[in-house]
Amino acid sequence: MSNSFQISLRPGERIYVNGAVIRVDRKVTMEFMNDVTFLLENHIIFSEDTTTPLRQLYFVVQTLLIDPASAHSSKLMFEESMALLTQSFKNPEILAGLAAVYELCGKNKLFEALKMIRALFPIEEAVLAKEPAPRLATILKEFEAEPCR
């Protein structure tokens, strides 16, 4: 039984693998032959995009994943962020999602935690706009096809 899997990248696309940034100059398919931690470029949030509390949390968890050298300070920021967020949000969908994120991070399943946080973005947007929020279960169905590494 093999753990290998393939990822196709377009010209100029970047992938973050075990803390390294790799950019390809042409269409390429990469095969990972063992367990690897990676993020595709379209899953990266840059500091200037951390405009909401959950986007800030995403950035912290993303840093845990792609910058192992700063793991200690990122873990401290994660703990502080989680405490503030669970006190600030009253929406049960967001609170349930945050509990899941905390559990996933505790098990070092950081990619899955990022996926959960991304699923919370539309709910947060609705809460901040004081509009009816979508259901988390509905949003998570959209993410089912995403690779979990």
C-alpha atoms as a PDB file:
ATOM      1  CA  MET A   1       0.000   0.000   0.000  1.00  0.00           C
ATOM      2  CA  SER A   2       1.527   3.288  -1.138  1.00  0.00           C
ATOM      3  CA  ASN A   3       1.127   6.756   0.365  1.00  0.00           C
ATOM      4  CA  SER A   4       2.183   8.444  -2.869  1.00  0.00           C
ATOM      5  CA  PHE A   5       0.008  11.031  -4.583  1.00  0.00           C
ATOM      6  CA  GLN A   6       0.338  13.505  -7.426  1.00  0.00           C
ATOM      7  CA  ILE A   7      -0.196  17.245  -7.710  1.00  0.00           C
ATOM      8  CA  SER A   8      -0.285  19.163 -10.976  1.00  0.00           C
ATOM      9  CA  LEU A   9       0.971  22.742 -11.037  1.00  0.00           C
ATOM     10  CA  ARG A  10       0.599  25.427 -13.693  1.00  0.00           C
ATOM     11  CA  PRO A  11       3.506  27.590 -14.948  1.00  0.00           C
ATOM     12  CA  GLY A  12       4.556  30.119 -12.312  1.00  0.00           C
ATOM     13  CA  GLU A  13       2.522  28.449  -9.568  1.00  0.00           C
ATOM     14  CA  ARG A  14       4.108  28.014  -6.152  1.00  0.00           C
ATOM     15  CA  ILE A  15       3.801  25.234  -3.630  1.00  0.00           C
ATOM     16  CA  TYR A  16       5.024  25.314  -0.033  1.00  0.00           C
ATOM     17  CA  VAL A  17       6.585  21.954   0.879  1.00  0.00           C
ATOM     18  CA  ASN A  18       7.945  21.269   4.360  1.00  0.00           C
ATOM     19  CA  GLY A  19       8.681  24.972   4.796  1.00  0.00           C
ATOM     20  CA  ALA A  20      10.329  25.430   1.372  1.00  0.00           C
ATOM     21  CA  VAL A  21       8.786  27.588  -1.354  1.00  0.00           C
ATOM     22  CA  ILE A  22       8.956  25.992  -4.798  1.00  0.00           C
ATOM     23  CA  ARG A  23       7.916  27.761  -8.006  1.00  0.00           C
ATOM     24  CA  VAL A  24       7.645  25.869 -11.275  1.00  0.00           C
ATOM     25  CA  ASP A  25       8.402  27.444 -14.658  1.00  0.00           C
ATOM     26  CA  ARG A  26       6.186  25.117 -16.702  1.00  0.00           C
ATOM     27  CA  LYS A  27       3.249  22.795 -16.237  1.00  0.00           C
ATOM     28  CA  VAL A  28       4.445  19.948 -14.063  1.00  0.00           C
ATOM     29  CA  THR A  29       3.077  17.010 -12.157  1.00  0.00           C
ATOM     30  CA  MET A  30       4.816  16.233  -8.895  1.00  0.00           C
ATOM     31  CA  GLU A  31       4.525  12.865  -7.214  1.00  0.00           C
ATOM     32  CA  PHE A  32       5.092  12.776  -3.481  1.00  0.00           C
ATOM     33  CA  MET A  33       6.302   9.333  -2.540  1.00  0.00           C
ATOM     34  CA  ASN A  34       5.907   9.731   1.234  1.00  0.00           C
ATOM     35  CA  ASP A  35       4.090  11.886   3.777  1.00  0.00           C
ATOM     36  CA  VAL A  36       4.795  15.556   3.237  1.00  0.00           C
ATOM     37  CA  THR A  37       3.407  18.808   4.564  1.00  0.00           C
ATOM     38  CA  PHE A  38       2.427  21.194   1.780  1.00  0.00           C
ATOM     39  CA  LEU A  39       0.154  24.082   0.891  1.00  0.00           C
ATOM     40  CA  LEU A  40      -0.817  25.135  -2.584  1.00  0.00           C
ATOM     41  CA  GLU A  41      -0.419  28.803  -3.423  1.00  0.00           C
ATOM     42  CA  ASN A  42      -4.184  29.380  -3.570  1.00  0.00           C
ATOM     43  CA  HIS A  43      -4.465  28.243   0.070  1.00  0.00           C
ATOM     44  CA  ILE A  44      -1.940  30.802   1.330  1.00  0.00           C
ATOM     45  CA  ILE A  45      -3.089  33.952   3.105  1.00  0.00           C
ATOM     46  CA  PHE A  46      -0.605  36.805   3.235  1.00  0.00           C
ATOM     47  CA  SER A  47      -0.375  39.144   6.221  1.00  0.00           C
ATOM     48  CA  GLU A  48      -2.155  41.948   4.348  1.00  0.00           C
ATOM     49  CA  ASP A  49      -5.155  39.601   3.869  1.00  0.00           C
ATOM     50  CA  THR A  50      -5.667  39.011   7.606  1.00  0.00           C
ATOM     51  CA  THR A  51      -8.588  41.429   7.774  1.00  0.00           C
ATOM     52  CA  THR A  52     -10.903  39.405  10.043  1.00  0.00           C
ATOM     53  CA  PRO A  53     -10.388  37.410  13.239  1.00  0.00           C
ATOM     54  CA  LEU A  54     -10.661  34.022  11.494  1.00  0.00           C
ATOM     55  CA  ARG A  55      -8.305  35.079   8.710  1.00  0.00           C
ATOM     56  CA  GLN A  56      -5.810  36.033  11.413  1.00  0.00           C
ATOM     57  CA  LEU A  57      -6.238  32.590  12.992  1.00  0.00           C
ATOM     58  CA  TYR A  58      -5.747  30.995   9.567  1.00  0.00           C
ATOM     59  CA  PHE A  59      -2.494  32.918   9.138  1.00  0.00           C
ATOM     60  CA  VAL A  60      -1.222  31.664  12.508  1.00  0.00           C
ATOM     61  CA  VAL A  61      -2.071  28.011  11.729  1.00  0.00           C
ATOM     62  CA  GLN A  62      -0.601  28.411   8.249  1.00  0.00           C
ATOM     63  CA  THR A  63       2.614  29.652   9.861  1.00  0.00           C
ATOM     64  CA  LEU A  64       2.681  26.555  12.065  1.00  0.00           C
ATOM     65  CA  LEU A  65       2.480  24.459   8.909  1.00  0.00           C
ATOM     66  CA  ILE A  66       4.924  26.205   6.590  1.00  0.00           C
ATOM     67  CA  ASP A  67       7.450  27.700   9.024  1.00  0.00           C
ATOM     68  CA  PRO A  68       8.418  25.028  11.552  1.00  0.00           C
ATOM     69  CA  ALA A  69      11.293  27.220  12.795  1.00  0.00           C
ATOM     70  CA  SER A  70       8.811  29.662  14.346  1.00  0.00           C
ATOM     71  CA  ALA A  71       6.541  26.943  15.746  1.00  0.00           C
ATOM     72  CA  HIS A  72       6.994  27.921  19.403  1.00  0.00           C
ATOM     73  CA  SER A  73       5.906  31.549  18.975  1.00  0.00           C
ATOM     74  CA  SER A  74       3.167  30.512  16.521  1.00  0.00           C
ATOM     75  CA  LYS A  75       1.771  28.013  19.051  1.00  0.00           C
ATOM     76  CA  LEU A  76       1.623  30.757  21.672  1.00  0.00           C
ATOM     77  CA  MET A  77      -0.191  33.050  19.235  1.00  0.00           C
ATOM     78  CA  PHE A  78      -2.549  30.182  18.341  1.00  0.00           C
ATOM     79  CA  GLU A  79      -3.457  29.591  21.995  1.00  0.00           C
ATOM     80  CA  GLU A  80      -4.030  33.307  22.593  1.00  0.00           C
ATOM     81  CA  SER A  81      -6.095  33.655  19.411  1.00  0.00           C
ATOM     82  CA  MET A  82      -8.267  30.647  20.236  1.00  0.00           C
ATOM     83  CA  ALA A  83      -8.987  31.989  23.731  1.00  0.00           C
ATOM     84  CA  LEU A  84      -9.991  35.397  22.374  1.00  0.00           C
ATOM     85  CA  LEU A  85     -12.066  33.981  19.526  1.00  0.00           C
ATOM     86  CA  THR A  86     -14.034  31.562  21.688  1.00  0.00           C
ATOM     87  CA  GLN A  87     -14.842  34.419  24.065  1.00  0.00           C
ATOM     88  CA  SER A  88     -15.759  36.838  21.269  1.00  0.00           C
ATOM     89  CA  PHE A  89     -17.920  34.759  18.929  1.00  0.00           C
ATOM     90  CA  LYS A  90     -21.408  33.719  19.980  1.00  0.00           C
ATOM     91  CA  ASN A  91     -22.404  31.941  16.740  1.00  0.00           C
ATOM     92  CA  PRO A  92     -22.721  28.193  17.521  1.00  0.00           C
ATOM     93  CA  GLU A  93     -21.457  27.177  14.055  1.00  0.00           C
ATOM     94  CA  ILE A  94     -18.260  29.197  14.496  1.00  0.00           C
ATOM     95  CA  LEU A  95     -17.783  27.952  18.069  1.00  0.00           C
ATOM     96  CA  ALA A  96     -18.174  24.339  16.909  1.00  0.00           C
ATOM     97  CA  GLY A  97     -15.721  24.979  14.081  1.00  0.00           C
ATOM     98  CA  LEU A  98     -13.222  26.547  16.474  1.00  0.00           C
ATOM     99  CA  ALA A  99     -13.487  23.533  18.775  1.00  0.00           C
ATOM    100  CA  ALA A 100     -12.744  21.292  15.788  1.00  0.00           C
ATOM    101  CA  VAL A 101      -9.789  23.491  14.777  1.00  0.00           C
ATOM    102  CA  TYR A 102      -8.376  23.290  18.299  1.00  0.00           C
ATOM    103  CA  GLU A 103      -8.695  19.504  18.307  1.00  0.00           C
ATOM    104  CA  LEU A 104      -7.145  19.155  14.835  1.00  0.00           C
ATOM    105  CA  CYS A 105      -4.198  21.361  15.769  1.00  0.00           C
ATOM    106  CA  GLY A 106      -3.717  19.359  18.951  1.00  0.00           C
ATOM    107  CA  LYS A 107      -3.388  16.251  16.781  1.00  0.00           C
ATOM    108  CA  ASN A 108      -1.016  18.131  14.444  1.00  0.00           C
ATOM    109  CA  LYS A 109      -3.527  17.869  11.581  1.00  0.00           C
ATOM    110  CA  LEU A 110      -2.814  21.396  10.466  1.00  0.00           C
ATOM    111  CA  PHE A 111      -3.977  21.072   6.850  1.00  0.00           C
ATOM    112  CA  GLU A 112      -7.371  19.831   8.030  1.00  0.00           C
ATOM    113  CA  ALA A 113      -7.484  22.705  10.556  1.00  0.00           C
ATOM    114  CA  LEU A 114      -6.863  25.189   7.741  1.00  0.00           C
ATOM    115  CA  LYS A 115      -9.628  23.600   5.706  1.00  0.00           C
ATOM    116  CA  MET A 116     -12.004  23.959   8.661  1.00  0.00           C
ATOM    117  CA  ILE A 117     -11.063  27.614   9.160  1.00  0.00           C
ATOM    118  CA  ARG A 118     -11.635  28.315   5.432  1.00  0.00           C
ATOM    119  CA  ALA A 119     -15.076  26.736   5.799  1.00  0.00           C
ATOM    120  CA  LEU A 120     -15.818  29.191   8.600  1.00  0.00           C
ATOM    121  CA  PHE A 121     -15.011  32.269   6.478  1.00  0.00           C
ATOM    122  CA  PRO A 122     -18.515  32.592   4.907  1.00  0.00           C
ATOM    123  CA  ILE A 123     -20.137  32.214   8.324  1.00  0.00           C
ATOM    124  CA  GLU A 124     -17.836  34.842   9.819  1.00  0.00           C
ATOM    125  CA  GLU A 125     -18.575  37.156   6.905  1.00  0.00           C
ATOM    126  CA  ALA A 126     -22.316  36.816   7.517  1.00  0.00           C
ATOM    127  CA  VAL A 127     -21.919  37.297  11.278  1.00  0.00           C
ATOM    128  CA  LEU A 128     -19.797  40.415  10.828  1.00  0.00           C
ATOM    129  CA  ALA A 129     -22.339  41.775   8.317  1.00  0.00           C
ATOM    130  CA  LYS A 130     -25.173  40.834  10.709  1.00  0.00           C
ATOM    131  CA  GLU A 131     -26.792  38.642   8.044  1.00  0.00           C
ATOM    132  CA  PRO A 132     -28.081  35.056   8.302  1.00  0.00           C
ATOM    133  CA  ALA A 133     -25.102  32.710   8.346  1.00  0.00           C
ATOM    134  CA  PRO A 134     -24.786  29.604   6.164  1.00  0.00           C
ATOM    135  CA  ARG A 135     -24.550  26.184   7.837  1.00  0.00           C
ATOM    136  CA  LEU A 136     -21.079  24.780   8.442  1.00  0.00           C
ATOM    137  CA  ALA A 137     -22.087  21.291   7.295  1.00  0.00           C
ATOM    138  CA  THR A 138     -23.147  22.692   3.920  1.00  0.00           C
ATOM    139  CA  ILE A 139     -19.867  24.543   3.465  1.00  0.00           C
ATOM    140  CA  LEU A 140     -17.764  21.530   4.474  1.00  0.00           C
ATOM    141  CA  LYS A 141     -19.320  19.458   1.676  1.00  0.00           C
ATOM    142  CA  GLU A 142     -17.646  21.836  -0.793  1.00  0.00           C
ATOM    143  CA  PHE A 143     -14.241  20.981   0.687  1.00  0.00           C
ATOM    144  CA  GLU A 144     -14.630  17.172   0.592  1.00  0.00           C
ATOM    145  CA  ALA A 145     -12.758  16.807  -2.703  1.00  0.00           C
ATOM    146  CA  GLU A 146      -9.712  18.719  -1.424  1.00  0.00           C
ATOM    147  CA  PRO A 147      -6.582  16.648  -0.706  1.00  0.00           C
ATOM    148  CA  CYS A 148      -5.801  16.365   3.008  1.00  0.00           C
ATOM    149  CA  ARG A 149      -2.038  16.534   3.557  1.00  0.00           C
END
